[in-house]
Each structure stands twice: as structure tokens, then as C-alpha cells.
Amino acid sequence: MSYLEYKPAIWDKIFVNEKANLHFHLPQYKFNVEHIGATSVPNCRSFRNVDIMISLHDFKDIHTVALLLATKEYKIIKERSTPDCMVLAKTHKYQKVGVTIRIVQYAGRWFNRCHAFLTLLRESYDRVIKYNNFREELFVKVNGNIAQYNQIKGNYINSIIDDNFKFE
């Protein structure tokens, strides 16, 4: 697996398609859908994966929505899910790009931390370059072990957020 250059036309098209798909599958819920992750940040290179966040106002709906989507075309990724963030994935038909869905509570811990990190990346080209280099070096270092890659990358992101923001 290798990184690609930022390709906004492809990533945006997949996001718009997926957003419509989510609204189709979840008509009874009120939620926000946002394009997050590297594919949403200008100049940030990415694996073939579009990250999307569904934010719900009611915490108890997180697991219900995840289970409902799991009956459709999405698969729950248990090892990456937490009580406040359910993670699902699928392969998008368009260019065989992966789609990762994170279902969180609106204005909850995961939601706020995600927005904090995206804000940091979007306001600094130098930070994007540093993040690109970190991820590429890490992928080589862990010899393609995705679980280890995600764990170390998560710790790295958390340390950057904690150094720049104070959450209650």
C-alpha cells in the first residue's frame, strides 16, 4: 500500500456519494456528515481511503446506527471502535477506494478532538508536510502492519492535540 497525492475531485465525489448513501440508509435519524481525515485536507497525501464522520446528538444512537449500517454494505471494525466512536468500513465501487465511517456524539470528546486536529492541519502547510512525512516513515517502520500503524499514528495525533488544545 502506498500513499497517493491529494486528489480532491476523486475524494470529494466519493464523499458526496457516500453522504447521500448514508442519508438514504438512515432517514429516521438527525445527524451531520463530514469529510474528515487526510483526504479532506489540502496537500495531505493519503492511502486510498476516504474518512467520514457521522455525528449524532444522542449518544445512545451511536451503537444503534452502527448496527443498522452493518446490515447494509458496511462492516463494523470492532478492534478500532470504542464506546464513544464506532468505526465501520466498506470498499467504495468507484476506483475501489476504501471508506471509513466514524459514528460519534456531536460535540463529544472524539468529535472535538477530530475537529481540533483538522484545524491544526488546515491552518499550516508545514504541519501537513510534517504529518505526511511522519506517516510515510511510520508505514515503512511498521512494515505495513496496519494495526500497529494506526496505534502509533493515533498516539502521535493525540500528543499534537494535547500540546495545542486544552479540553475539559
N, C-alpha and C. Protein backbone atom coordinates (compact mmCIF):
# COMPACT_ATOMS: atom_id res chain seq x y z
N MET A 1 0.86 -1.17 0.00
CA MET A 1 0.00 0.00 0.00
C MET A 1 0.90 1.23 0.00
N SER A 2 0.56 2.18 -0.83
CA SER A 2 1.37 3.38 -0.88
C SER A 2 0.47 4.61 -0.81
N TYR A 3 1.09 5.72 -0.50
CA TYR A 3 0.36 6.97 -0.43
C TYR A 3 0.11 7.52 -1.82
N LEU A 4 -0.94 8.25 -1.95
CA LEU A 4 -1.26 8.94 -3.20
C LEU A 4 -1.16 10.43 -2.96
N GLU A 5 -1.05 11.17 -4.02
CA GLU A 5 -1.13 12.62 -3.89
C GLU A 5 -2.58 12.98 -3.57
N TYR A 6 -2.77 14.17 -3.08
CA TYR A 6 -4.13 14.64 -2.78
C TYR A 6 -4.88 14.81 -4.09
N LYS A 7 -6.05 14.20 -4.19
CA LYS A 7 -6.86 14.25 -5.41
C LYS A 7 -8.27 14.67 -5.04
N PRO A 8 -8.48 15.98 -4.84
CA PRO A 8 -9.76 16.45 -4.32
C PRO A 8 -10.97 16.07 -5.16
N ALA A 9 -10.84 16.03 -6.47
CA ALA A 9 -12.00 15.71 -7.30
C ALA A 9 -12.50 14.29 -7.00
N ILE A 10 -11.58 13.36 -6.85
CA ILE A 10 -11.96 11.97 -6.55
C ILE A 10 -12.51 11.86 -5.14
N TRP A 11 -11.78 12.41 -4.16
CA TRP A 11 -12.20 12.28 -2.77
C TRP A 11 -13.54 12.97 -2.53
N ASP A 12 -13.71 14.16 -3.11
CA ASP A 12 -14.97 14.89 -2.92
C ASP A 12 -16.14 14.15 -3.55
N LYS A 13 -15.94 13.57 -4.72
CA LYS A 13 -17.01 12.83 -5.39
C LYS A 13 -17.43 11.63 -4.53
N ILE A 14 -16.47 10.93 -3.99
CA ILE A 14 -16.78 9.78 -3.13
C ILE A 14 -17.51 10.24 -1.88
N PHE A 15 -17.04 11.33 -1.27
CA PHE A 15 -17.70 11.84 -0.07
C PHE A 15 -19.16 12.19 -0.35
N VAL A 16 -19.42 12.94 -1.41
CA VAL A 16 -20.79 13.36 -1.74
C VAL A 16 -21.67 12.13 -1.98
N ASN A 17 -21.15 11.15 -2.70
CA ASN A 17 -21.89 9.92 -2.96
C ASN A 17 -22.21 9.19 -1.66
N GLU A 18 -21.21 9.10 -0.80
CA GLU A 18 -21.37 8.38 0.46
C GLU A 18 -22.31 9.10 1.41
N LYS A 19 -22.26 10.42 1.42
CA LYS A 19 -23.16 11.21 2.26
C LYS A 19 -24.61 10.94 1.85
N ALA A 20 -24.88 10.94 0.56
CA ALA A 20 -26.23 10.65 0.07
C ALA A 20 -26.64 9.23 0.45
N ASN A 21 -25.72 8.30 0.35
CA ASN A 21 -25.97 6.90 0.71
C ASN A 21 -26.33 6.78 2.19
N LEU A 22 -25.62 7.49 3.04
CA LEU A 22 -25.89 7.44 4.48
C LEU A 22 -27.27 8.03 4.80
N HIS A 23 -27.61 9.14 4.17
CA HIS A 23 -28.93 9.73 4.40
C HIS A 23 -30.04 8.79 3.90
N PHE A 24 -29.77 8.08 2.83
CA PHE A 24 -30.74 7.11 2.31
C PHE A 24 -30.96 5.98 3.31
N HIS A 25 -29.88 5.46 3.89
CA HIS A 25 -29.96 4.34 4.84
C HIS A 25 -30.48 4.74 6.21
N LEU A 26 -30.38 6.01 6.57
CA LEU A 26 -30.71 6.45 7.93
C LEU A 26 -31.74 7.59 7.94
N PRO A 27 -32.86 7.43 7.26
CA PRO A 27 -33.81 8.55 7.16
C PRO A 27 -34.46 8.94 8.49
N GLN A 28 -34.48 8.03 9.44
CA GLN A 28 -35.16 8.29 10.71
C GLN A 28 -34.27 9.02 11.73
N TYR A 29 -33.01 9.28 11.39
CA TYR A 29 -32.08 9.92 12.33
C TYR A 29 -31.70 11.32 11.86
N LYS A 30 -31.45 12.18 12.84
CA LYS A 30 -30.89 13.51 12.56
C LYS A 30 -29.40 13.41 12.85
N PHE A 31 -28.59 13.73 11.85
CA PHE A 31 -27.14 13.64 12.03
C PHE A 31 -26.44 14.55 11.04
N ASN A 32 -25.20 14.84 11.34
CA ASN A 32 -24.33 15.57 10.44
C ASN A 32 -23.34 14.59 9.82
N VAL A 33 -22.97 14.83 8.59
CA VAL A 33 -21.98 14.01 7.91
C VAL A 33 -20.86 14.95 7.46
N GLU A 34 -19.63 14.61 7.85
CA GLU A 34 -18.48 15.45 7.49
C GLU A 34 -17.37 14.62 6.87
N HIS A 35 -16.68 15.24 5.93
CA HIS A 35 -15.50 14.64 5.33
C HIS A 35 -14.32 14.99 6.23
N ILE A 36 -13.69 13.98 6.81
CA ILE A 36 -12.57 14.20 7.73
C ILE A 36 -11.36 13.44 7.22
N GLY A 37 -10.28 13.46 7.96
CA GLY A 37 -9.10 12.69 7.60
C GLY A 37 -8.26 13.36 6.54
N ALA A 38 -7.21 12.67 6.12
CA ALA A 38 -6.23 13.23 5.19
C ALA A 38 -6.85 13.67 3.87
N THR A 39 -7.84 12.94 3.38
CA THR A 39 -8.42 13.29 2.08
C THR A 39 -9.23 14.59 2.13
N SER A 40 -9.48 15.10 3.32
CA SER A 40 -10.22 16.37 3.44
C SER A 40 -9.30 17.57 3.65
N VAL A 41 -7.99 17.33 3.70
CA VAL A 41 -7.02 18.39 3.97
C VAL A 41 -6.18 18.64 2.72
N PRO A 42 -6.20 19.88 2.20
CA PRO A 42 -5.39 20.19 1.02
C PRO A 42 -3.92 19.83 1.23
N ASN A 43 -3.35 19.20 0.21
CA ASN A 43 -1.93 18.80 0.16
C ASN A 43 -1.57 17.64 1.07
N CYS A 44 -2.53 17.07 1.74
CA CYS A 44 -2.24 15.93 2.61
C CYS A 44 -2.38 14.65 1.77
N ARG A 45 -1.31 13.88 1.72
CA ARG A 45 -1.35 12.63 0.97
C ARG A 45 -2.09 11.58 1.78
N SER A 46 -2.60 10.58 1.07
CA SER A 46 -3.45 9.62 1.75
C SER A 46 -3.36 8.26 1.10
N PHE A 47 -3.69 7.24 1.88
CA PHE A 47 -3.96 5.92 1.32
C PHE A 47 -5.25 6.06 0.53
N ARG A 48 -5.64 5.07 -0.18
CA ARG A 48 -6.92 5.08 -0.91
C ARG A 48 -8.05 4.89 0.09
N ASN A 49 -8.30 5.90 0.91
CA ASN A 49 -9.33 5.79 1.92
C ASN A 49 -9.92 7.16 2.21
N VAL A 50 -11.24 7.23 2.18
CA VAL A 50 -11.95 8.47 2.50
C VAL A 50 -12.58 8.29 3.87
N ASP A 51 -12.24 9.18 4.80
CA ASP A 51 -12.78 9.13 6.16
C ASP A 51 -13.96 10.07 6.29
N ILE A 52 -15.02 9.54 6.89
CA ILE A 52 -16.26 10.30 7.06
C ILE A 52 -16.69 10.18 8.52
N MET A 53 -17.20 11.29 9.07
CA MET A 53 -17.71 11.26 10.43
C MET A 53 -19.20 11.56 10.42
N ILE A 54 -19.94 10.68 11.09
CA ILE A 54 -21.36 10.91 11.35
C ILE A 54 -21.43 11.36 12.80
N SER A 55 -22.01 12.54 13.04
CA SER A 55 -22.17 12.98 14.42
C SER A 55 -23.66 13.04 14.76
N LEU A 56 -23.99 12.38 15.86
CA LEU A 56 -25.36 12.29 16.34
C LEU A 56 -25.49 13.07 17.63
N HIS A 57 -26.63 13.68 17.85
CA HIS A 57 -26.83 14.43 19.09
C HIS A 57 -27.08 13.51 20.28
N ASP A 58 -27.63 12.35 20.03
CA ASP A 58 -27.97 11.44 21.12
C ASP A 58 -26.94 10.31 21.20
N PHE A 59 -26.21 10.26 22.30
CA PHE A 59 -25.15 9.26 22.50
C PHE A 59 -25.68 7.84 22.32
N LYS A 60 -26.89 7.57 22.79
CA LYS A 60 -27.41 6.19 22.74
C LYS A 60 -27.65 5.72 21.30
N ASP A 61 -27.72 6.64 20.35
CA ASP A 61 -27.94 6.25 18.95
C ASP A 61 -26.68 5.76 18.24
N ILE A 62 -25.51 6.00 18.81
CA ILE A 62 -24.26 5.63 18.15
C ILE A 62 -24.24 4.14 17.79
N HIS A 63 -24.50 3.28 18.75
CA HIS A 63 -24.44 1.84 18.51
C HIS A 63 -25.61 1.37 17.65
N THR A 64 -26.77 1.97 17.81
CA THR A 64 -27.94 1.60 17.00
C THR A 64 -27.68 1.90 15.53
N VAL A 65 -27.14 3.07 15.25
CA VAL A 65 -26.84 3.45 13.87
C VAL A 65 -25.76 2.54 13.30
N ALA A 66 -24.74 2.22 14.08
CA ALA A 66 -23.68 1.32 13.62
C ALA A 66 -24.25 -0.05 13.26
N LEU A 67 -25.11 -0.57 14.11
CA LEU A 67 -25.71 -1.88 13.84
C LEU A 67 -26.61 -1.83 12.61
N LEU A 68 -27.33 -0.74 12.43
CA LEU A 68 -28.17 -0.60 11.25
C LEU A 68 -27.32 -0.56 9.97
N LEU A 69 -26.25 0.21 9.98
CA LEU A 69 -25.38 0.28 8.81
C LEU A 69 -24.69 -1.06 8.53
N ALA A 70 -24.45 -1.82 9.59
CA ALA A 70 -23.82 -3.14 9.43
C ALA A 70 -24.75 -4.11 8.70
N THR A 71 -26.05 -3.83 8.68
CA THR A 71 -26.97 -4.67 7.91
C THR A 71 -26.99 -4.26 6.45
N LYS A 72 -26.34 -3.16 6.13
CA LYS A 72 -26.27 -2.67 4.74
C LYS A 72 -24.94 -3.13 4.17
N GLU A 73 -24.17 -2.21 3.66
CA GLU A 73 -22.92 -2.57 2.99
C GLU A 73 -21.67 -2.29 3.83
N TYR A 74 -21.85 -1.93 5.08
CA TYR A 74 -20.73 -1.55 5.94
C TYR A 74 -20.41 -2.68 6.92
N LYS A 75 -19.16 -2.71 7.34
CA LYS A 75 -18.71 -3.71 8.31
C LYS A 75 -18.18 -2.97 9.54
N ILE A 76 -18.64 -3.38 10.73
CA ILE A 76 -18.13 -2.78 11.96
C ILE A 76 -16.71 -3.28 12.20
N ILE A 77 -15.81 -2.36 12.49
CA ILE A 77 -14.42 -2.70 12.79
C ILE A 77 -14.28 -2.65 14.31
N LYS A 78 -14.51 -3.78 14.95
CA LYS A 78 -14.56 -3.84 16.42
C LYS A 78 -13.25 -3.41 17.06
N GLU A 79 -12.12 -3.82 16.49
CA GLU A 79 -10.83 -3.51 17.11
C GLU A 79 -10.49 -2.02 17.07
N ARG A 80 -11.18 -1.24 16.25
CA ARG A 80 -10.93 0.20 16.18
C ARG A 80 -12.05 1.01 16.82
N SER A 81 -13.12 0.34 17.22
CA SER A 81 -14.26 1.03 17.82
C SER A 81 -14.06 1.18 19.32
N THR A 82 -14.66 2.22 19.88
CA THR A 82 -14.64 2.47 21.32
C THR A 82 -16.08 2.80 21.72
N PRO A 83 -16.36 2.89 23.02
CA PRO A 83 -17.74 3.23 23.41
C PRO A 83 -18.25 4.56 22.83
N ASP A 84 -17.34 5.50 22.58
CA ASP A 84 -17.79 6.80 22.05
C ASP A 84 -17.47 7.01 20.57
N CYS A 85 -17.01 5.96 19.89
CA CYS A 85 -16.70 6.08 18.46
C CYS A 85 -16.78 4.71 17.80
N MET A 86 -17.85 4.48 17.09
CA MET A 86 -17.99 3.23 16.34
C MET A 86 -17.37 3.43 14.96
N VAL A 87 -16.56 2.46 14.53
CA VAL A 87 -15.87 2.56 13.25
C VAL A 87 -16.40 1.48 12.32
N LEU A 88 -16.77 1.89 11.11
CA LEU A 88 -17.24 0.98 10.09
C LEU A 88 -16.44 1.22 8.82
N ALA A 89 -16.44 0.24 7.93
CA ALA A 89 -15.70 0.39 6.68
C ALA A 89 -16.41 -0.34 5.55
N LYS A 90 -16.07 0.07 4.35
CA LYS A 90 -16.52 -0.62 3.15
C LYS A 90 -15.58 -0.22 2.02
N THR A 91 -15.63 -0.96 0.94
CA THR A 91 -14.89 -0.59 -0.25
C THR A 91 -15.87 0.07 -1.20
N HIS A 92 -15.58 1.28 -1.59
CA HIS A 92 -16.44 2.03 -2.50
C HIS A 92 -16.24 1.49 -3.91
N LYS A 93 -17.30 1.42 -4.65
CA LYS A 93 -17.25 0.87 -6.01
C LYS A 93 -16.40 1.74 -6.94
N TYR A 94 -16.34 3.03 -6.66
CA TYR A 94 -15.61 3.95 -7.52
C TYR A 94 -14.11 3.86 -7.24
N GLN A 95 -13.35 3.38 -8.15
CA GLN A 95 -11.90 3.23 -8.06
C GLN A 95 -11.46 2.38 -6.87
N LYS A 96 -12.34 1.54 -6.36
CA LYS A 96 -12.02 0.62 -5.26
C LYS A 96 -11.38 1.33 -4.07
N VAL A 97 -11.90 2.49 -3.76
CA VAL A 97 -11.39 3.28 -2.64
C VAL A 97 -12.11 2.84 -1.37
N GLY A 98 -11.37 2.74 -0.28
CA GLY A 98 -11.97 2.40 0.99
C GLY A 98 -12.68 3.60 1.59
N VAL A 99 -13.77 3.33 2.30
CA VAL A 99 -14.50 4.36 3.02
C VAL A 99 -14.55 3.94 4.47
N THR A 100 -14.12 4.82 5.36
CA THR A 100 -14.20 4.57 6.80
C THR A 100 -15.20 5.55 7.39
N ILE A 101 -16.15 5.01 8.13
CA ILE A 101 -17.17 5.83 8.78
C ILE A 101 -16.91 5.79 10.28
N ARG A 102 -16.88 6.95 10.91
CA ARG A 102 -16.79 7.03 12.37
C ARG A 102 -18.08 7.66 12.86
N ILE A 103 -18.76 6.96 13.76
CA ILE A 103 -20.02 7.45 14.31
C ILE A 103 -19.75 7.91 15.73
N VAL A 104 -20.00 9.19 15.97
CA VAL A 104 -19.65 9.80 17.26
C VAL A 104 -20.80 10.69 17.74
N GLN A 105 -20.69 11.12 18.98
CA GLN A 105 -21.66 12.07 19.52
C GLN A 105 -21.24 13.48 19.13
N TYR A 106 -22.20 14.26 18.64
CA TYR A 106 -21.93 15.65 18.29
C TYR A 106 -21.39 16.39 19.52
N ALA A 107 -20.29 17.10 19.33
CA ALA A 107 -19.63 17.88 20.39
C ALA A 107 -19.09 17.02 21.53
N GLY A 108 -19.00 15.73 21.30
CA GLY A 108 -18.40 14.84 22.29
C GLY A 108 -16.89 14.84 22.18
N ARG A 109 -16.23 14.05 23.00
CA ARG A 109 -14.77 14.01 23.06
C ARG A 109 -14.15 13.72 21.70
N TRP A 110 -14.57 12.66 21.03
CA TRP A 110 -13.97 12.28 19.75
C TRP A 110 -14.22 13.36 18.71
N PHE A 111 -15.42 13.87 18.66
CA PHE A 111 -15.80 14.93 17.72
C PHE A 111 -14.89 16.14 17.90
N ASN A 112 -14.74 16.61 19.13
CA ASN A 112 -13.93 17.80 19.41
C ASN A 112 -12.45 17.58 19.06
N ARG A 113 -11.92 16.41 19.39
CA ARG A 113 -10.51 16.14 19.11
C ARG A 113 -10.26 16.04 17.60
N CYS A 114 -11.19 15.45 16.89
CA CYS A 114 -11.07 15.35 15.43
C CYS A 114 -11.04 16.74 14.81
N HIS A 115 -11.96 17.59 15.22
CA HIS A 115 -12.00 18.95 14.68
C HIS A 115 -10.75 19.74 15.06
N ALA A 116 -10.25 19.52 16.26
CA ALA A 116 -9.03 20.21 16.68
C ALA A 116 -7.86 19.84 15.77
N PHE A 117 -7.68 18.56 15.51
CA PHE A 117 -6.55 18.13 14.68
C PHE A 117 -6.71 18.62 13.24
N LEU A 118 -7.92 18.53 12.69
CA LEU A 118 -8.13 19.01 11.33
C LEU A 118 -7.86 20.52 11.24
N THR A 119 -8.24 21.26 12.25
CA THR A 119 -7.97 22.70 12.28
C THR A 119 -6.46 22.95 12.23
N LEU A 120 -5.71 22.21 13.04
CA LEU A 120 -4.25 22.37 13.04
C LEU A 120 -3.66 22.08 11.66
N LEU A 121 -4.10 21.01 11.03
CA LEU A 121 -3.57 20.67 9.71
C LEU A 121 -3.95 21.71 8.66
N ARG A 122 -5.20 22.10 8.67
CA ARG A 122 -5.69 23.01 7.63
C ARG A 122 -5.09 24.41 7.72
N GLU A 123 -4.60 24.79 8.90
CA GLU A 123 -4.04 26.14 9.04
C GLU A 123 -2.54 26.21 8.78
N SER A 124 -1.89 25.06 8.54
CA SER A 124 -0.43 25.09 8.38
C SER A 124 0.05 24.08 7.34
N TYR A 125 0.53 24.60 6.21
CA TYR A 125 1.11 23.75 5.18
C TYR A 125 2.30 22.97 5.73
N ASP A 126 3.13 23.61 6.54
CA ASP A 126 4.29 22.94 7.12
C ASP A 126 3.87 21.74 7.99
N ARG A 127 2.78 21.91 8.73
CA ARG A 127 2.29 20.83 9.58
C ARG A 127 1.80 19.66 8.71
N VAL A 128 1.18 19.97 7.57
CA VAL A 128 0.73 18.91 6.65
C VAL A 128 1.93 18.13 6.11
N ILE A 129 2.97 18.84 5.71
CA ILE A 129 4.17 18.18 5.20
C ILE A 129 4.80 17.29 6.28
N LYS A 130 4.89 17.81 7.48
CA LYS A 130 5.44 17.02 8.60
C LYS A 130 4.60 15.77 8.85
N TYR A 131 3.28 15.94 8.81
CA TYR A 131 2.38 14.81 9.03
C TYR A 131 2.51 13.79 7.89
N ASN A 132 2.60 14.25 6.65
CA ASN A 132 2.82 13.34 5.51
C ASN A 132 4.08 12.53 5.71
N ASN A 133 5.17 13.20 6.05
CA ASN A 133 6.46 12.52 6.24
C ASN A 133 6.40 11.52 7.39
N PHE A 134 5.78 11.93 8.50
CA PHE A 134 5.65 11.04 9.65
C PHE A 134 4.92 9.75 9.25
N ARG A 135 3.80 9.87 8.56
CA ARG A 135 3.01 8.69 8.20
C ARG A 135 3.76 7.79 7.22
N GLU A 136 4.42 8.37 6.26
CA GLU A 136 5.16 7.56 5.29
C GLU A 136 6.31 6.81 5.95
N GLU A 137 7.05 7.48 6.83
CA GLU A 137 8.15 6.83 7.55
C GLU A 137 7.61 5.76 8.50
N LEU A 138 6.50 6.05 9.16
CA LEU A 138 5.91 5.08 10.08
C LEU A 138 5.47 3.82 9.36
N PHE A 139 4.84 3.99 8.19
CA PHE A 139 4.36 2.82 7.45
C PHE A 139 5.52 1.89 7.10
N VAL A 140 6.65 2.47 6.72
CA VAL A 140 7.84 1.66 6.42
C VAL A 140 8.36 1.01 7.70
N LYS A 141 8.41 1.79 8.77
CA LYS A 141 8.94 1.30 10.06
C LYS A 141 8.15 0.11 10.59
N VAL A 142 6.82 0.12 10.46
CA VAL A 142 6.00 -0.97 10.98
C VAL A 142 5.80 -2.08 9.95
N ASN A 143 6.49 -1.94 8.82
CA ASN A 143 6.48 -2.96 7.78
C ASN A 143 5.05 -3.29 7.31
N GLY A 144 4.23 -2.26 7.18
CA GLY A 144 2.88 -2.45 6.67
C GLY A 144 1.86 -3.01 7.65
N ASN A 145 2.24 -3.14 8.93
CA ASN A 145 1.31 -3.65 9.94
C ASN A 145 0.30 -2.53 10.26
N ILE A 146 -0.90 -2.65 9.70
CA ILE A 146 -1.90 -1.58 9.80
C ILE A 146 -2.33 -1.33 11.23
N ALA A 147 -2.51 -2.37 12.03
CA ALA A 147 -2.93 -2.18 13.43
C ALA A 147 -1.87 -1.39 14.19
N GLN A 148 -0.62 -1.75 14.02
CA GLN A 148 0.47 -1.03 14.70
C GLN A 148 0.57 0.39 14.16
N TYR A 149 0.44 0.55 12.85
CA TYR A 149 0.47 1.87 12.23
C TYR A 149 -0.62 2.76 12.83
N ASN A 150 -1.85 2.26 12.89
CA ASN A 150 -2.97 3.05 13.42
C ASN A 150 -2.76 3.41 14.89
N GLN A 151 -2.22 2.50 15.67
CA GLN A 151 -1.98 2.77 17.10
C GLN A 151 -0.95 3.89 17.28
N ILE A 152 0.18 3.78 16.59
CA ILE A 152 1.24 4.78 16.73
C ILE A 152 0.78 6.13 16.15
N LYS A 153 0.10 6.09 15.01
CA LYS A 153 -0.41 7.33 14.42
C LYS A 153 -1.42 7.99 15.36
N GLY A 154 -2.29 7.20 15.97
CA GLY A 154 -3.26 7.74 16.93
C GLY A 154 -2.58 8.41 18.11
N ASN A 155 -1.53 7.77 18.64
CA ASN A 155 -0.78 8.37 19.75
C ASN A 155 -0.12 9.69 19.33
N TYR A 156 0.41 9.71 18.12
CA TYR A 156 1.04 10.91 17.58
C TYR A 156 0.02 12.05 17.47
N ILE A 157 -1.14 11.75 16.90
CA ILE A 157 -2.20 12.76 16.76
C ILE A 157 -2.63 13.26 18.13
N ASN A 158 -2.85 12.34 19.07
CA ASN A 158 -3.27 12.75 20.42
C ASN A 158 -2.24 13.65 21.09
N SER A 159 -0.95 13.36 20.88
CA SER A 159 0.07 14.21 21.51
C SER A 159 0.05 15.61 20.91
N ILE A 160 -0.19 15.72 19.61
CA ILE A 160 -0.26 17.03 18.97
C ILE A 160 -1.48 17.80 19.48
N ILE A 161 -2.61 17.13 19.58
CA ILE A 161 -3.82 17.78 20.09
C ILE A 161 -3.59 18.24 21.52
N ASP A 162 -3.05 17.36 22.36
CA ASP A 162 -2.84 17.70 23.77
C ASP A 162 -1.85 18.86 23.94
N ASP A 163 -0.87 18.96 23.03
CA ASP A 163 0.10 20.06 23.11
C ASP A 163 -0.50 21.41 22.69
N ASN A 164 -1.57 21.37 21.90
CA ASN A 164 -2.12 22.59 21.33
C ASN A 164 -3.48 23.02 21.86
N PHE A 165 -4.19 22.10 22.50
CA PHE A 165 -5.53 22.40 23.00
C PHE A 165 -5.70 21.89 24.41
N LYS A 166 -6.57 22.55 25.15
CA LYS A 166 -6.93 22.10 26.49
C LYS A 166 -8.42 21.77 26.47
N PHE A 167 -8.73 20.48 26.62
CA PHE A 167 -10.12 20.05 26.70
C PHE A 167 -10.47 19.72 28.12
N GLU A 168 -11.71 19.99 28.50
CA GLU A 168 -12.17 19.66 29.86
C GLU A 168 -12.56 18.21 29.95
